Each structure stands twice: as C-alpha cells, then as structure tokens.
Amino acid sequence: MQPAQPSPGFSPRPSGVLLRLTLSALERVSQDPSLWREAEVHRAVLVSGLSVLVNGLALLQRDLG
C-alpha cells in the first residue's frame, strides 16, 4: 500500500508527518519482528505516538473552543 501523495503547495502538519513516520515504522516492524528487540524502536514508537496524541488533542481543543 503506497501512502497518498500530498497535493502541490501542501504543507504537512508536524503531527501528520509523525503519524506517517510512526505507521511506516510499525509496518517495517510487522514485517521483521526481530526489530522489536531494539529499545530504540520502543522509544521511537512511544515518543511519536505521544506527539501525535498531544497535537491531536490540541487541535481538538482549538476546534471545540
């Protein structure tokens, strides 16, 4: 499955970039489970996932506020 290509002039939000990087990393790990042995993989998934969550909550608060 190929990721969607942004339209010309599109400036991705940092949370969108982190989300795509996180999903890409998880896809790679699902294809090679031995990567889960690396502590860096765990940290990267946690940090990027938390960043996406925090940014998503900020956008939600902005939209609801």
Protein backbone atom coordinates (compact mmCIF):
# COMPACT_ATOMS: atom_id res chain seq x y z
CA MET A 1 0.00 0.00 0.00
CA GLN A 2 1.52 3.30 -1.10
CA PRO A 3 0.97 6.42 1.02
CA ALA A 4 -1.13 9.16 -0.54
CA GLN A 5 0.90 11.88 -2.20
CA PRO A 6 0.20 15.41 -0.94
CA SER A 7 -1.10 17.93 -3.43
CA PRO A 8 1.28 20.64 -4.70
CA GLY A 9 1.65 23.51 -2.24
CA PHE A 10 0.58 21.26 0.65
CA SER A 11 2.46 21.90 3.88
CA PRO A 12 2.02 18.90 6.18
CA ARG A 13 1.46 19.48 9.88
CA PRO A 14 4.12 18.06 12.19
CA SER A 15 1.56 15.69 13.71
CA GLY A 16 0.71 14.36 10.24
CA VAL A 17 4.36 13.76 9.47
CA LEU A 18 4.88 11.98 12.79
CA LEU A 19 1.80 9.88 12.20
CA ARG A 20 3.07 8.75 8.80
CA LEU A 21 6.54 8.02 10.22
CA THR A 22 5.02 6.04 13.08
CA LEU A 23 2.83 3.99 10.74
CA SER A 24 5.77 3.38 8.44
CA ALA A 25 7.93 2.19 11.34
CA LEU A 26 5.16 -0.10 12.59
CA GLU A 27 4.77 -1.56 9.11
CA ARG A 28 8.51 -2.29 8.96
CA VAL A 29 8.44 -3.91 12.40
CA SER A 30 5.44 -6.03 11.44
CA GLN A 31 7.46 -7.38 8.51
CA ASP A 32 10.54 -8.07 10.69
CA PRO A 33 9.51 -8.84 14.29
CA SER A 34 13.16 -9.08 15.35
CA LEU A 35 13.26 -5.26 15.27
CA TRP A 36 11.16 -5.24 18.47
CA ARG A 37 14.31 -6.35 20.32
CA GLU A 38 15.75 -2.87 19.80
CA ALA A 39 14.97 -0.45 22.64
CA GLU A 40 15.18 2.44 20.16
CA VAL A 41 12.14 1.08 18.33
CA HIS A 42 10.09 1.14 21.52
CA ARG A 43 11.18 4.69 22.33
CA ALA A 44 10.52 5.93 18.81
CA VAL A 45 7.01 4.46 18.72
CA LEU A 46 6.17 5.84 22.16
CA VAL A 47 7.52 9.33 21.52
CA SER A 48 5.98 9.69 18.09
CA GLY A 49 2.67 8.23 19.23
CA LEU A 50 2.53 10.59 22.21
CA SER A 51 3.42 13.55 20.00
CA VAL A 52 0.60 12.70 17.60
CA LEU A 53 -1.80 12.34 20.54
CA VAL A 54 -0.81 15.67 22.11
CA ASN A 55 -1.04 17.51 18.78
CA GLY A 56 -4.37 15.87 18.02
CA LEU A 57 -5.76 16.90 21.42
CA ALA A 58 -4.56 20.48 20.87
CA LEU A 59 -6.34 20.61 17.50
CA LEU A 60 -9.49 19.16 19.05
CA GLN A 61 -9.43 21.72 21.87
CA ARG A 62 -8.92 24.50 19.34
CA ASP A 63 -11.83 23.30 17.22
CA LEU A 64 -14.15 22.86 20.22
CA GLY A 65 -13.07 26.04 21.98
